[in-house]
Amino acid sequence: MAFCYRPAEPHTPNRAMKSKIETLGRIRKEFPPRGNLQLFQLDKPATFTCSVRKIEVTSAKVALDLQTGALLSNGAYGHLVAGL
């Protein structure tokens, strides 16, 4: 059985960036990073402005760009991940 080596991705965004998510609410689940993006599940829906779609979104799922610290909606996250 052959295994493909894949370098480990960072599982924790830096503290300052993660605090952007925590200002929206309590993090219930952190999904593994996909490239420079990481998805978070909050306890309750929060309202924020998606940096990609440029609209106000209310959702319990919020994505974070680990390079820029920008908040993304679940839809924008899915769109960007599909393009990876």
N, C-alpha and C. Protein backbone atom coordinates (compact mmCIF):
# COMPACT_ATOMS: atom_id res chain seq x y z
N MET A 1 0.83 -1.17 0.00
CA MET A 1 0.00 0.00 0.00
C MET A 1 0.89 1.25 0.00
N ALA A 2 0.68 2.15 -0.92
CA ALA A 2 1.49 3.36 -1.02
C ALA A 2 0.80 4.53 -0.34
N PHE A 3 1.58 5.32 0.36
CA PHE A 3 1.06 6.51 1.01
C PHE A 3 1.70 7.74 0.38
N CYS A 4 0.92 8.75 0.18
CA CYS A 4 1.44 10.01 -0.34
C CYS A 4 1.85 10.88 0.84
N TYR A 5 3.03 11.45 0.76
CA TYR A 5 3.47 12.36 1.81
C TYR A 5 2.86 13.72 1.56
N ARG A 6 2.28 14.27 2.58
CA ARG A 6 1.71 15.61 2.50
C ARG A 6 2.21 16.40 3.70
N PRO A 7 2.90 17.51 3.47
CA PRO A 7 3.42 18.26 4.62
C PRO A 7 2.29 18.71 5.54
N ALA A 8 2.59 18.73 6.80
CA ALA A 8 1.58 19.15 7.79
C ALA A 8 1.22 20.61 7.58
N GLU A 9 -0.06 20.89 7.71
CA GLU A 9 -0.54 22.26 7.62
C GLU A 9 -0.71 22.78 9.04
N PRO A 10 -0.54 24.07 9.25
CA PRO A 10 -0.73 24.60 10.61
C PRO A 10 -2.19 24.42 11.03
N HIS A 11 -2.40 23.90 12.23
CA HIS A 11 -3.77 23.67 12.70
C HIS A 11 -4.31 24.77 13.57
N THR A 12 -3.46 25.72 13.93
CA THR A 12 -3.96 26.83 14.73
C THR A 12 -3.52 28.14 14.09
N PRO A 13 -4.49 28.95 13.71
CA PRO A 13 -4.13 30.26 13.19
C PRO A 13 -3.48 31.06 14.31
N ASN A 14 -2.71 32.07 13.95
CA ASN A 14 -2.07 32.82 15.02
C ASN A 14 -3.14 33.48 15.90
N ARG A 15 -2.78 33.71 17.12
CA ARG A 15 -3.72 34.16 18.16
C ARG A 15 -4.49 35.42 17.77
N ALA A 16 -3.80 36.40 17.18
CA ALA A 16 -4.47 37.65 16.82
C ALA A 16 -5.55 37.42 15.77
N MET A 17 -5.29 36.54 14.82
CA MET A 17 -6.29 36.28 13.77
C MET A 17 -7.46 35.48 14.33
N LYS A 18 -7.17 34.50 15.16
CA LYS A 18 -8.24 33.68 15.74
C LYS A 18 -9.15 34.53 16.61
N SER A 19 -8.60 35.58 17.21
CA SER A 19 -9.42 36.44 18.07
C SER A 19 -10.51 37.16 17.25
N LYS A 20 -10.28 37.34 15.94
CA LYS A 20 -11.32 37.94 15.08
C LYS A 20 -12.56 37.05 15.05
N ILE A 21 -12.36 35.75 15.05
CA ILE A 21 -13.47 34.81 15.07
C ILE A 21 -14.13 34.83 16.45
N GLU A 22 -13.31 34.86 17.48
CA GLU A 22 -13.83 34.82 18.85
C GLU A 22 -14.65 36.07 19.20
N THR A 23 -14.41 37.19 18.53
CA THR A 23 -15.23 38.38 18.79
C THR A 23 -16.67 38.17 18.29
N LEU A 24 -16.84 37.22 17.36
CA LEU A 24 -18.19 36.92 16.84
C LEU A 24 -18.97 35.98 17.75
N GLY A 25 -18.26 35.18 18.53
CA GLY A 25 -18.93 34.22 19.41
C GLY A 25 -17.99 33.09 19.80
N ARG A 26 -18.52 32.18 20.58
CA ARG A 26 -17.73 31.04 21.04
C ARG A 26 -17.54 30.03 19.92
N ILE A 27 -16.31 29.60 19.72
CA ILE A 27 -16.00 28.62 18.68
C ILE A 27 -16.39 27.23 19.18
N ARG A 28 -17.25 26.57 18.42
CA ARG A 28 -17.69 25.24 18.77
C ARG A 28 -16.79 24.18 18.13
N LYS A 29 -16.35 24.45 16.88
CA LYS A 29 -15.51 23.49 16.16
C LYS A 29 -14.59 24.23 15.20
N GLU A 30 -13.36 23.75 15.12
CA GLU A 30 -12.40 24.27 14.14
C GLU A 30 -12.16 23.18 13.11
N PHE A 31 -12.40 23.49 11.85
CA PHE A 31 -12.14 22.54 10.79
C PHE A 31 -10.67 22.66 10.37
N PRO A 32 -10.08 21.60 9.83
CA PRO A 32 -8.68 21.68 9.40
C PRO A 32 -8.50 22.75 8.32
N PRO A 33 -7.37 23.44 8.32
CA PRO A 33 -7.11 24.44 7.29
C PRO A 33 -7.07 23.80 5.90
N ARG A 34 -7.56 24.55 4.92
CA ARG A 34 -7.47 24.15 3.51
C ARG A 34 -6.71 25.27 2.81
N GLY A 35 -5.46 25.04 2.52
CA GLY A 35 -4.63 26.11 1.96
C GLY A 35 -4.48 27.20 3.01
N ASN A 36 -4.84 28.43 2.63
CA ASN A 36 -4.75 29.57 3.55
C ASN A 36 -6.06 29.86 4.25
N LEU A 37 -7.05 28.98 4.09
CA LEU A 37 -8.38 29.21 4.67
C LEU A 37 -8.69 28.20 5.75
N GLN A 38 -9.42 28.65 6.77
CA GLN A 38 -9.88 27.75 7.81
C GLN A 38 -11.31 28.10 8.17
N LEU A 39 -12.15 27.08 8.30
CA LEU A 39 -13.56 27.24 8.62
C LEU A 39 -13.79 26.97 10.10
N PHE A 40 -14.67 27.78 10.71
CA PHE A 40 -15.01 27.64 12.12
C PHE A 40 -16.53 27.53 12.26
N GLN A 41 -16.97 26.71 13.20
CA GLN A 41 -18.40 26.60 13.55
C GLN A 41 -18.58 27.30 14.89
N LEU A 42 -19.46 28.29 14.92
CA LEU A 42 -19.75 29.01 16.17
C LEU A 42 -20.94 28.38 16.87
N ASP A 43 -21.08 28.66 18.16
CA ASP A 43 -22.23 28.17 18.93
C ASP A 43 -23.55 28.74 18.39
N LYS A 44 -23.51 30.02 18.04
CA LYS A 44 -24.71 30.72 17.57
C LYS A 44 -24.38 31.50 16.32
N PRO A 45 -25.37 31.73 15.44
CA PRO A 45 -25.11 32.55 14.25
C PRO A 45 -24.66 33.96 14.63
N ALA A 46 -23.74 34.48 13.85
CA ALA A 46 -23.22 35.83 14.04
C ALA A 46 -23.34 36.60 12.73
N THR A 47 -23.42 37.91 12.83
CA THR A 47 -23.50 38.76 11.64
C THR A 47 -22.16 39.43 11.41
N PHE A 48 -21.66 39.33 10.19
CA PHE A 48 -20.38 39.92 9.81
C PHE A 48 -20.40 40.24 8.32
N THR A 49 -19.43 40.99 7.86
CA THR A 49 -19.32 41.32 6.43
C THR A 49 -18.29 40.40 5.79
N CYS A 50 -18.72 39.69 4.75
CA CYS A 50 -17.84 38.80 4.00
C CYS A 50 -16.88 39.65 3.17
N SER A 51 -15.59 39.41 3.32
CA SER A 51 -14.60 40.22 2.59
C SER A 51 -14.55 39.89 1.10
N VAL A 52 -15.08 38.75 0.69
CA VAL A 52 -15.09 38.37 -0.72
C VAL A 52 -16.36 38.87 -1.40
N ARG A 53 -17.50 38.56 -0.79
CA ARG A 53 -18.80 38.91 -1.39
C ARG A 53 -19.21 40.34 -1.10
N LYS A 54 -18.56 40.97 -0.11
CA LYS A 54 -18.83 42.37 0.26
C LYS A 54 -20.28 42.60 0.69
N ILE A 55 -20.86 41.60 1.36
CA ILE A 55 -22.22 41.74 1.87
C ILE A 55 -22.26 41.29 3.33
N GLU A 56 -23.27 41.72 4.04
CA GLU A 56 -23.47 41.31 5.42
C GLU A 56 -24.08 39.91 5.43
N VAL A 57 -23.52 39.04 6.25
CA VAL A 57 -23.94 37.64 6.32
C VAL A 57 -24.22 37.29 7.77
N THR A 58 -25.25 36.48 8.00
CA THR A 58 -25.51 35.93 9.34
C THR A 58 -25.41 34.42 9.23
N SER A 59 -24.44 33.85 9.94
CA SER A 59 -24.19 32.41 9.84
C SER A 59 -23.44 31.93 11.07
N ALA A 60 -23.59 30.63 11.36
CA ALA A 60 -22.82 30.03 12.45
C ALA A 60 -21.48 29.52 11.93
N LYS A 61 -21.30 29.48 10.61
CA LYS A 61 -20.02 29.08 10.03
C LYS A 61 -19.32 30.31 9.46
N VAL A 62 -18.09 30.49 9.88
CA VAL A 62 -17.28 31.64 9.46
C VAL A 62 -15.91 31.11 9.05
N ALA A 63 -15.41 31.59 7.92
CA ALA A 63 -14.07 31.21 7.48
C ALA A 63 -13.11 32.37 7.71
N LEU A 64 -11.85 32.02 7.89
CA LEU A 64 -10.80 32.99 8.13
C LEU A 64 -9.68 32.77 7.13
N ASP A 65 -9.25 33.85 6.49
CA ASP A 65 -8.07 33.80 5.62
C ASP A 65 -6.87 33.91 6.56
N LEU A 66 -6.08 32.86 6.65
CA LEU A 66 -4.98 32.81 7.61
C LEU A 66 -3.83 33.75 7.25
N GLN A 67 -3.80 34.24 6.02
CA GLN A 67 -2.74 35.18 5.63
C GLN A 67 -3.13 36.62 5.92
N THR A 68 -4.38 36.96 5.64
CA THR A 68 -4.80 38.36 5.77
C THR A 68 -5.66 38.64 7.00
N GLY A 69 -6.25 37.59 7.57
CA GLY A 69 -7.15 37.78 8.69
C GLY A 69 -8.56 38.18 8.28
N ALA A 70 -8.85 38.13 6.97
CA ALA A 70 -10.17 38.50 6.47
C ALA A 70 -11.21 37.44 6.81
N LEU A 71 -12.44 37.89 7.11
CA LEU A 71 -13.55 36.98 7.39
C LEU A 71 -14.29 36.69 6.08
N LEU A 72 -14.65 35.43 5.89
CA LEU A 72 -15.37 35.01 4.69
C LEU A 72 -16.62 34.24 5.07
N SER A 73 -17.63 34.35 4.24
CA SER A 73 -18.84 33.56 4.44
C SER A 73 -18.56 32.11 4.06
N ASN A 74 -19.42 31.20 4.50
CA ASN A 74 -19.28 29.80 4.16
C ASN A 74 -19.35 29.62 2.64
N GLY A 75 -20.20 30.38 1.96
CA GLY A 75 -20.32 30.30 0.51
C GLY A 75 -19.05 30.73 -0.21
N ALA A 76 -18.45 31.83 0.25
CA ALA A 76 -17.20 32.30 -0.35
C ALA A 76 -16.07 31.30 -0.07
N TYR A 77 -16.07 30.74 1.12
CA TYR A 77 -15.07 29.71 1.48
C TYR A 77 -15.18 28.52 0.52
N GLY A 78 -16.40 28.03 0.33
CA GLY A 78 -16.63 26.90 -0.56
C GLY A 78 -16.19 27.19 -1.99
N HIS A 79 -16.50 28.38 -2.45
CA HIS A 79 -16.13 28.79 -3.80
C HIS A 79 -14.60 28.82 -3.96
N LEU A 80 -13.91 29.39 -2.97
CA LEU A 80 -12.45 29.47 -3.05
C LEU A 80 -11.79 28.11 -2.91
N VAL A 81 -12.30 27.27 -2.01
CA VAL A 81 -11.73 25.94 -1.81
C VAL A 81 -11.92 25.09 -3.07
N ALA A 82 -13.06 25.24 -3.73
CA ALA A 82 -13.31 24.47 -4.96
C ALA A 82 -12.32 24.84 -6.05
N GLY A 83 -11.80 26.06 -6.00
CA GLY A 83 -10.83 26.51 -7.00
C GLY A 83 -9.40 26.13 -6.67
N LEU A 84 -9.16 25.55 -5.47
CA LEU A 84 -7.79 25.18 -5.09
C LEU A 84 -7.32 23.99 -5.89
